[in-house]
Protein backbone atom coordinates (compact mmCIF):
# COMPACT_ATOMS: atom_id res chain seq x y z
CA MET A 1 -14.72 -17.84 1.55
CA ASN A 2 -16.37 -18.10 -1.89
CA ARG A 3 -16.65 -14.51 -2.88
CA CYS A 4 -14.65 -11.47 -2.28
CA ALA A 5 -15.04 -7.65 -3.10
CA ILE A 6 -11.73 -5.85 -3.75
CA ILE A 7 -12.26 -1.95 -3.55
CA GLY A 8 -9.48 -0.68 -5.66
CA HIS A 9 -8.76 -3.99 -7.63
CA ARG A 10 -6.90 -2.26 -10.26
CA GLY A 11 -4.03 -1.18 -8.22
CA GLN A 12 -0.81 -3.15 -7.34
CA ASP A 13 -2.24 -4.97 -4.26
CA GLY A 14 -5.65 -5.34 -6.05
CA ARG A 15 -4.12 -7.16 -9.08
CA ILE A 16 -2.16 -9.58 -6.93
CA LEU A 17 -4.89 -10.41 -4.52
CA SER A 18 -7.25 -10.91 -7.36
CA GLY A 19 -4.95 -13.25 -9.08
CA ILE A 20 -4.33 -15.32 -5.82
CA LEU A 21 -8.08 -15.75 -5.01
CA GLN A 22 -9.12 -16.60 -8.57
CA ASP A 23 -6.45 -19.38 -8.67
CA ARG A 24 -8.14 -20.51 -5.45
CA GLY A 25 -11.42 -20.79 -7.09
CA VAL A 26 -12.95 -17.50 -5.27
CA GLN A 27 -15.10 -15.14 -7.13
CA VAL A 28 -13.97 -11.83 -7.05
CA VAL A 29 -15.99 -8.79 -7.55
CA GLY A 30 -13.80 -5.78 -8.42
CA VAL A 31 -14.48 -2.25 -7.89
CA GLY A 32 -12.27 0.52 -9.44
CA ARG A 33 -12.39 4.24 -9.78
CA GLY A 34 -15.63 5.45 -11.18
CA ASP A 35 -17.50 2.07 -10.71
CA LEU A 36 -19.23 2.95 -7.33
CA ASP A 37 -19.78 6.19 -5.37
CA LEU A 38 -18.17 5.19 -2.10
CA THR A 39 -19.32 8.23 -0.41
CA ASP A 40 -23.07 7.39 -1.17
CA GLU A 41 -24.07 4.91 1.77
CA THR A 42 -27.15 4.00 -0.15
CA ALA A 43 -25.27 3.03 -3.30
CA VAL A 44 -22.71 1.06 -1.36
CA SER A 45 -25.27 -0.74 0.65
CA ALA A 46 -26.96 -1.76 -2.42
CA PHE A 47 -23.78 -3.11 -3.66
CA ILE A 48 -22.83 -5.11 -0.77
CA GLU A 49 -26.68 -6.52 -0.73
CA LYS A 50 -26.32 -7.40 -4.46
CA GLU A 51 -22.88 -9.01 -4.26
CA LYS A 52 -22.98 -10.74 -0.87
CA PRO A 53 -19.33 -10.98 -0.50
CA ASP A 54 -17.97 -12.89 2.32
CA GLN A 55 -14.81 -10.62 2.66
CA ILE A 56 -14.19 -7.00 1.53
CA TYR A 57 -10.48 -5.64 1.06
CA TYR A 58 -10.54 -1.88 0.77
CA PHE A 59 -7.34 -0.90 -1.19
CA ALA A 60 -8.67 2.42 -2.63
CA ALA A 61 -6.33 5.56 -2.02
CA PHE A 62 -5.75 8.85 -3.33
CA HIS A 63 -1.99 9.57 -3.98
CA HIS A 64 -0.95 13.08 -4.63
CA SER A 65 2.45 14.69 -4.70
CA SER A 66 4.08 18.02 -5.78
CA GLU A 67 5.28 16.20 -9.07
CA ASP A 68 1.73 15.52 -10.07
CA ARG A 69 0.57 17.26 -13.27
CA GLU A 70 -2.91 18.06 -11.51
CA CYS A 71 -2.39 21.02 -9.28
CA LEU A 72 -4.64 20.96 -6.16
CA SER A 73 -4.76 22.89 -3.06
CA ASP A 74 -4.37 21.53 0.33
CA ALA A 75 -8.06 22.14 0.96
CA GLY A 76 -8.63 20.08 -2.36
CA ILE A 77 -6.26 17.17 -1.35
CA PHE A 78 -8.02 17.11 1.98
CA ARG A 79 -11.26 16.64 0.35
CA ARG A 80 -10.49 13.87 -2.26
CA SER A 81 -8.41 12.11 0.48
CA SER A 82 -11.13 12.12 2.93
CA ASN A 83 -13.68 11.03 0.37
CA VAL A 84 -11.43 7.84 -0.47
CA HIS A 85 -9.63 7.17 2.77
CA LEU A 86 -12.40 8.00 5.52
CA ALA A 87 -15.92 8.54 4.10
CA GLY A 88 -15.70 5.64 1.66
CA VAL A 89 -14.55 3.07 4.28
CA VAL A 90 -17.26 4.54 6.71
CA SER A 91 -19.97 3.69 3.86
CA ILE A 92 -18.56 0.24 3.94
CA LEU A 93 -18.40 -0.19 7.68
CA GLU A 94 -22.14 1.28 7.89
CA SER A 95 -23.16 -1.33 5.29
CA ILE A 96 -21.67 -4.18 7.00
CA LYS A 97 -22.93 -3.32 10.29
CA ILE A 98 -26.61 -3.32 8.97
CA SER A 99 -26.10 -6.45 6.74
CA GLU A 100 -27.58 -9.91 7.88
CA LYS A 101 -24.62 -11.67 6.65
CA PRO A 102 -21.23 -11.17 8.59
CA ILE A 103 -18.76 -9.95 6.23
CA ARG A 104 -15.11 -9.14 7.15
CA LEU A 105 -13.05 -6.12 6.00
CA PHE A 106 -9.51 -5.52 5.80
CA TYR A 107 -8.57 -1.65 5.50
CA ALA A 108 -5.28 -0.98 3.87
CA ALA A 109 -3.52 1.73 5.79
CA SER A 110 -0.01 3.10 5.45
CA SER A 111 3.14 3.86 7.73
CA HIS A 112 2.41 7.46 6.71
CA VAL A 113 0.27 7.58 9.92
CA PHE A 114 3.25 7.69 11.87
CA GLY A 115 4.88 10.64 10.34
CA GLU A 116 7.79 11.70 12.47
CA PRO A 117 7.67 8.82 14.86
CA ALA A 118 8.68 8.94 18.33
CA THR A 119 10.01 5.52 18.40
CA LEU A 120 11.98 3.23 16.49
CA PRO A 121 10.84 1.00 14.89
CA GLN A 122 6.96 1.58 14.97
CA ASN A 123 4.32 -0.92 16.27
CA GLU A 124 0.59 -0.70 16.83
CA GLN A 125 1.18 0.87 19.84
CA THR A 126 3.16 3.97 18.43
CA PRO A 127 1.25 7.21 18.57
CA PHE A 128 -0.05 8.53 15.22
CA ARG A 129 1.90 11.68 14.16
CA PRO A 130 1.08 12.03 10.47
CA LYS A 131 2.71 14.85 8.78
CA ASN A 132 0.90 14.83 5.49
CA ILE A 133 -2.82 14.53 4.27
CA TYR A 134 -2.41 11.28 2.96
CA GLY A 135 -1.42 9.97 6.75
CA ILE A 136 -3.96 12.18 8.26
CA THR A 137 -6.59 10.78 6.37
CA LYS A 138 -5.51 7.22 6.55
CA SER A 139 -5.31 7.49 10.27
CA ALA A 140 -8.88 8.58 10.17
CA GLY A 141 -9.70 5.53 8.43
CA ILE A 142 -8.19 3.38 11.11
CA GLU A 143 -9.90 5.14 13.69
CA SER A 144 -13.20 4.66 11.93
CA CYS A 145 -12.51 0.71 11.69
CA ARG A 146 -11.62 0.88 15.25
CA PHE A 147 -14.98 2.43 16.34
CA TYR A 148 -17.04 0.07 14.52
CA ARG A 149 -15.28 -2.80 15.65
CA GLU A 150 -15.58 -1.83 19.21
CA LYS A 151 -18.92 -0.42 19.21
CA HIS A 152 -20.78 -2.52 16.76
CA GLY A 153 -18.67 -5.80 16.61
CA VAL A 154 -18.02 -5.44 13.01
CA PHE A 155 -14.95 -7.48 11.83
CA ALA A 156 -12.63 -4.61 10.68
CA ALA A 157 -8.76 -5.54 10.53
CA THR A 158 -6.43 -2.96 9.49
CA GLY A 159 -2.94 -3.25 8.06
CA ILE A 160 -0.57 -0.36 8.55
CA LEU A 161 1.49 -1.13 5.51
CA TYR A 162 5.10 0.04 4.86
CA ASN A 163 6.32 0.27 1.54
CA HIS A 164 5.91 -3.02 -0.59
CA GLU A 165 7.03 -3.30 -4.28
CA SER A 166 6.17 -5.33 -7.33
CA ALA A 167 6.02 -5.25 -11.02
CA PHE A 168 2.62 -3.87 -10.78
CA ARG A 169 3.67 -0.70 -8.86
CA SER A 170 2.94 2.33 -10.39
CA ALA A 171 5.43 4.30 -12.36
CA LYS A 172 5.41 7.52 -10.00
CA PHE A 173 7.04 5.74 -7.01
CA VAL A 174 10.85 5.75 -6.71
CA SER A 175 11.16 1.88 -6.97
CA GLN A 176 9.79 1.89 -10.45
CA LYS A 177 11.62 4.83 -11.30
CA ILE A 178 14.67 3.31 -10.77
CA VAL A 179 13.79 0.08 -12.26
CA ARG A 180 12.40 1.37 -15.36
CA GLY A 181 15.18 4.04 -15.51
CA ALA A 182 17.71 1.20 -15.38
CA VAL A 183 16.20 -0.87 -18.15
CA ASP A 184 15.90 2.34 -20.39
CA VAL A 185 19.68 2.94 -20.07
CA SER A 186 20.44 -0.76 -20.86
CA ARG A 187 18.64 -0.42 -23.91
CA GLY A 188 20.19 2.94 -24.72
CA LYS A 189 16.80 4.95 -24.57
CA THR A 190 18.44 7.47 -22.19
CA THR A 191 22.01 7.82 -20.37
CA SER A 192 20.73 8.62 -16.76
CA ILE A 193 17.88 8.96 -14.29
CA THR A 194 17.65 11.59 -11.73
CA LEU A 195 16.87 10.79 -8.20
CA GLY A 196 16.74 12.68 -4.70
CA ASN A 197 18.09 11.77 -1.31
CA LEU A 198 20.33 8.50 -2.12
CA GLU A 199 20.74 8.10 1.65
CA ALA A 200 17.15 7.90 2.52
CA ARG A 201 16.36 4.42 4.01
CA ILE A 202 13.09 2.70 3.29
CA ASP A 203 11.43 -0.36 4.87
CA TRP A 204 10.94 -2.15 1.55
CA GLY A 205 8.99 -5.65 1.23
CA TYR A 206 7.80 -7.49 -1.63
CA ALA A 207 4.07 -6.82 -2.36
CA PRO A 208 2.88 -10.73 -3.12
CA ASP A 209 4.51 -11.52 0.58
CA PHE A 210 2.42 -8.63 2.22
CA ILE A 211 -0.72 -9.81 0.29
CA GLU A 212 -0.08 -13.09 2.02
CA ALA A 213 -0.11 -11.31 5.52
CA MET A 214 -3.50 -9.81 4.75
CA MET A 215 -5.12 -12.89 4.01
CA LEU A 216 -3.64 -14.51 7.14
CA ILE A 217 -4.87 -11.49 9.37
CA MET A 218 -8.54 -12.01 7.57
CA ASP A 219 -8.37 -15.79 8.79
CA GLN A 220 -8.09 -14.70 12.26
CA SER A 221 -10.85 -15.27 14.68
CA SER A 222 -11.28 -11.78 15.64
CA SER A 223 -10.02 -8.45 13.87
CA ASP A 224 -7.18 -6.19 15.00
CA ASP A 225 -4.57 -3.82 13.80
CA TYR A 226 -1.47 -4.77 12.45
CA VAL A 227 1.82 -3.40 11.29
CA ILE A 228 2.98 -5.15 8.15
CA SER A 229 6.65 -4.55 7.45
CA THR A 230 9.80 -6.27 6.90
CA GLY A 231 11.68 -4.47 9.93
CA VAL A 232 14.77 -3.85 7.67
CA THR A 233 15.62 -0.79 5.75
CA HIS A 234 17.78 -0.21 2.84
CA SER A 235 18.89 2.98 1.13
CA VAL A 236 17.81 4.39 -2.09
CA ARG A 237 21.45 4.26 -3.06
CA GLU A 238 21.41 0.28 -2.34
CA PHE A 239 18.29 0.02 -4.45
CA ALA A 240 19.83 1.70 -7.45
CA GLU A 241 22.85 -0.36 -7.06
CA ILE A 242 21.23 -3.46 -7.23
CA ALA A 243 18.92 -2.49 -10.00
CA PHE A 244 21.59 -1.38 -12.32
CA SER A 245 23.89 -4.20 -11.28
CA GLU A 246 21.11 -6.76 -12.37
CA LEU A 247 21.77 -5.12 -16.05
CA GLY A 248 25.42 -5.34 -15.99
CA LEU A 249 25.72 -1.43 -15.27
CA ASP A 250 27.58 0.75 -12.88
CA TRP A 251 24.78 2.80 -11.04
CA LYS A 252 27.33 5.62 -10.57
CA ASN A 253 27.63 6.07 -14.12
CA HIS A 254 24.02 6.75 -14.77
CA VAL A 255 22.51 8.26 -11.47
CA THR A 256 22.26 12.13 -10.90
CA VAL A 257 21.04 13.79 -7.83
CA ASP A 258 18.38 16.90 -7.90
CA GLU A 259 19.16 18.66 -4.79
CA SER A 260 15.87 20.43 -4.87
CA LEU A 261 14.11 17.11 -4.62
CA ILE A 262 16.00 16.42 -1.38
CA ALA A 263 14.88 19.72 -0.21
CA ARG A 264 11.38 18.99 -0.90
CA LYS A 265 10.75 15.71 0.37
CA ALA A 266 11.28 14.96 4.16
CA SER A 267 12.96 11.34 5.09
CA GLU A 268 11.83 10.52 8.32
CA LEU A 269 12.89 6.81 9.26
CA LEU A 270 10.00 4.73 9.08
CA VAL A 271 10.77 0.92 10.01
CA GLY A 272 8.27 -1.32 11.28
CA ASP A 273 7.75 -3.97 14.04
CA SER A 274 5.46 -6.63 12.86
CA SER A 275 6.17 -8.96 15.91
CA LYS A 276 2.38 -8.96 16.73
CA LEU A 277 1.58 -10.17 13.14
CA ARG A 278 4.55 -12.68 13.24
CA GLU A 279 3.42 -14.02 16.75
CA ARG A 280 -0.07 -14.55 15.60
CA THR A 281 0.03 -15.81 12.12
CA ASP A 282 3.67 -17.10 11.77
CA TRP A 283 4.21 -14.96 8.91
CA LYS A 284 7.45 -13.75 7.66
CA PRO A 285 8.53 -12.25 4.55
CA LYS A 286 9.76 -14.94 1.95
CA THR A 287 11.50 -12.46 -0.69
CA SER A 288 14.65 -10.65 0.06
CA PHE A 289 15.35 -7.24 -1.01
CA ALA A 290 17.75 -8.16 -3.78
CA GLU A 291 15.26 -10.91 -4.97
CA MET A 292 12.39 -8.44 -4.91
CA ILE A 293 14.50 -5.92 -7.35
CA SER A 294 15.68 -8.82 -9.73
CA ILE A 295 11.93 -9.81 -10.23
CA MET A 296 11.02 -6.13 -11.01
CA ILE A 297 13.98 -5.76 -13.33
CA LYS A 298 13.01 -9.11 -15.31
CA ALA A 299 9.40 -7.99 -15.52
CA ALA A 300 10.25 -4.44 -16.93
CA LEU A 301 12.39 -6.20 -19.50
CA HIS A 302 9.49 -8.36 -20.89
CA GLU A 303 7.15 -5.37 -20.86
CA ASP A 304 7.76 -4.46 -24.54
């Protein structure tokens, strides 16, 4: 591969992948929010014809929660989510279909497509039962990739991604809330942080390990759907305990619980079975849960 387009290159996964590819001498074309109207098929087709990428990674995502300052109705969230998670990737798929150059696509989906799963752990055969708009529209994106793959022979691989963290993770996620909160406490900027359900268990992995999995998926002879996960869950309490311990602090003295956050957020147990990925690519996570948190803490300490 000589040239790669990354849709959503300013996010965590896009930044990590860009760095890896550039280190390998691959030309990276980044597309961020506002750079290209992904719902405009003509504009997308012109972009692909001009840039001629060998591969495209579709990381674009619309995240919205009840804590966001921008208040949107469900209809508004559906429209914006659908534009990013479905209409945008369909524009890419249609452009690849008519392109004379064989282009490979990776679509980043989410474990939220399983919602309240009927089985534990979840794999590629687990039925989609999304319970939020993010999961509903991401599952539609997966189905669109399957359609173009099966009907038109497009190389459209999908990754059903479980939680993966790094120093590039947005501050709105609980992992960074804990990490940055712990660092602020260690510096005397605050005395405590507020969390929700400490017993919620999450399948947490290290983002660079997940990026490696995506690249291995793109190197396969044919495209398919893959669960990317560690297969091991840890509680929010464990995350906080390790993060504060890294700084010589006892988390019990600095974490308070907001009962309203527990009531507002469901905590279905999502844990992935990535056996298919491991068997086909020999991939496995390299970074432990504790090592990941330590890396994030050290990065946060060096931000200022």
